Amino acid sequence: MKAVSIMLRGPNEYMIDEVERSIHDALCVVRRVLESGTVVAGGGAVEVALSIHLEDFARTLGSKEQIAITEFAEALLVIPKVLANNAALDATDLIAKLKVLHSAS
């Protein structure tokens, strides 16, 4: 077993406390993943998958229900679009790639 020390530096105590909290949270996530052996997909992956399933389901319904479900499926895509924009990525390109990958699986 190895031990590692992390030294934090920052402009003030507030920033150091925030960095320490962020590192603690990240280490807890890593520990949890290693203990459980499972990972929950994030970054809008669930929303894209649900959107695809809802669009497929909407095609089997009548006109009013189909429109409502299709609009909800489109609204779910706002989450990955915002995440992509916040990460300075091309949201349109990313959503298209996610849809292709989810549809293929």
Protein backbone atom coordinates (compact mmCIF):
# COMPACT_ATOMS: atom_id res chain seq x y z
CA MET A 1 0.00 0.00 0.00
CA LYS A 2 1.28 3.45 -0.96
CA ALA A 3 0.70 6.75 0.75
CA VAL A 4 0.61 10.02 -1.14
CA SER A 5 0.63 13.57 0.16
CA ILE A 6 -1.04 16.40 -1.69
CA MET A 7 0.14 19.91 -0.96
CA LEU A 8 -2.31 22.69 -1.72
CA ARG A 9 -1.40 26.28 -2.42
CA GLY A 10 -3.70 29.15 -3.16
CA PRO A 11 -4.24 32.87 -2.87
CA ASN A 12 -6.34 32.62 0.31
CA GLU A 13 -7.83 30.19 2.83
CA TYR A 14 -11.19 30.16 1.07
CA MET A 15 -9.69 28.90 -2.18
CA ILE A 16 -7.61 26.29 -0.39
CA ASP A 17 -10.72 25.05 1.46
CA GLU A 18 -12.62 24.79 -1.83
CA VAL A 19 -9.79 22.91 -3.55
CA GLU A 20 -9.48 20.58 -0.56
CA ARG A 21 -13.21 19.87 -0.65
CA SER A 22 -13.10 19.20 -4.41
CA ILE A 23 -10.16 16.82 -4.08
CA HIS A 24 -11.88 15.02 -1.19
CA ASP A 25 -15.06 14.62 -3.27
CA ALA A 26 -13.11 13.29 -6.25
CA LEU A 27 -11.20 10.78 -4.11
CA CYS A 28 -14.46 9.60 -2.54
CA VAL A 29 -15.91 9.03 -6.02
CA VAL A 30 -12.87 7.01 -7.08
CA ARG A 31 -13.02 4.95 -3.88
CA ARG A 32 -16.74 4.29 -4.38
CA VAL A 33 -16.21 3.15 -7.98
CA LEU A 34 -13.38 0.84 -6.99
CA GLU A 35 -15.41 -0.66 -4.12
CA SER A 36 -18.63 -1.19 -6.05
CA GLY A 37 -17.17 -1.95 -9.46
CA THR A 38 -19.96 0.00 -11.17
CA VAL A 39 -20.23 3.39 -12.84
CA VAL A 40 -23.33 5.38 -13.68
CA ALA A 41 -23.10 7.14 -17.00
CA GLY A 42 -23.19 10.92 -16.77
CA GLY A 43 -22.65 13.94 -18.95
CA GLY A 44 -26.10 13.72 -20.53
CA ALA A 45 -25.78 10.08 -21.62
CA VAL A 46 -28.97 9.03 -19.82
CA GLU A 47 -30.94 11.94 -21.26
CA VAL A 48 -29.82 11.16 -24.82
CA ALA A 49 -30.70 7.47 -24.42
CA LEU A 50 -34.12 8.33 -22.99
CA SER A 51 -34.72 10.84 -25.78
CA ILE A 52 -34.01 8.19 -28.42
CA HIS A 53 -36.32 5.66 -26.74
CA LEU A 54 -39.09 8.24 -26.43
CA GLU A 55 -38.77 9.24 -30.09
CA ASP A 56 -39.04 5.58 -31.09
CA PHE A 57 -42.07 5.13 -28.82
CA ALA A 58 -43.72 8.30 -30.17
CA ARG A 59 -43.74 6.82 -33.68
CA THR A 60 -46.14 4.12 -32.47
CA LEU A 61 -48.77 6.58 -31.18
CA GLY A 62 -51.44 8.86 -32.56
CA SER A 63 -50.79 12.44 -33.62
CA LYS A 64 -51.44 14.40 -30.39
CA GLU A 65 -49.60 11.97 -28.15
CA GLN A 66 -46.79 11.66 -30.67
CA ILE A 67 -46.22 15.42 -30.73
CA ALA A 68 -46.19 15.71 -26.95
CA ILE A 69 -43.74 12.85 -26.45
CA THR A 70 -41.49 14.03 -29.28
CA GLU A 71 -41.34 17.52 -27.75
CA PHE A 72 -40.45 16.06 -24.34
CA ALA A 73 -37.74 13.93 -25.96
CA GLU A 74 -36.34 17.09 -27.57
CA ALA A 75 -36.48 18.94 -24.24
CA LEU A 76 -34.36 16.22 -22.62
CA LEU A 77 -31.54 17.09 -25.03
CA VAL A 78 -31.20 20.53 -23.44
CA ILE A 79 -29.22 18.97 -20.57
CA PRO A 80 -26.37 17.53 -22.67
CA LYS A 81 -26.39 20.67 -24.85
CA VAL A 82 -25.85 22.91 -21.82
CA LEU A 83 -23.14 20.60 -20.48
CA ALA A 84 -21.36 20.68 -23.85
CA ASN A 85 -21.60 24.46 -24.08
CA ASN A 86 -20.27 24.84 -20.54
CA ALA A 87 -17.30 22.67 -21.50
CA ALA A 88 -16.65 24.87 -24.57
CA LEU A 89 -17.53 22.04 -26.97
CA ASP A 90 -19.66 22.07 -30.10
CA ALA A 91 -23.04 20.99 -28.71
CA THR A 92 -24.57 20.14 -32.08
CA ASP A 93 -21.70 17.88 -33.08
CA LEU A 94 -21.59 16.21 -29.66
CA ILE A 95 -25.35 15.52 -29.56
CA ALA A 96 -25.19 14.03 -33.05
CA LYS A 97 -22.32 11.74 -32.04
CA LEU A 98 -24.10 10.70 -28.83
CA LYS A 99 -27.29 9.90 -30.75
CA VAL A 100 -25.37 7.78 -33.27
CA LEU A 101 -23.57 5.85 -30.52
CA HIS A 102 -26.75 5.30 -28.50
CA SER A 103 -28.74 4.24 -31.55
CA ALA A 104 -26.06 1.72 -32.50
CA SER A 105 -26.05 0.06 -29.09
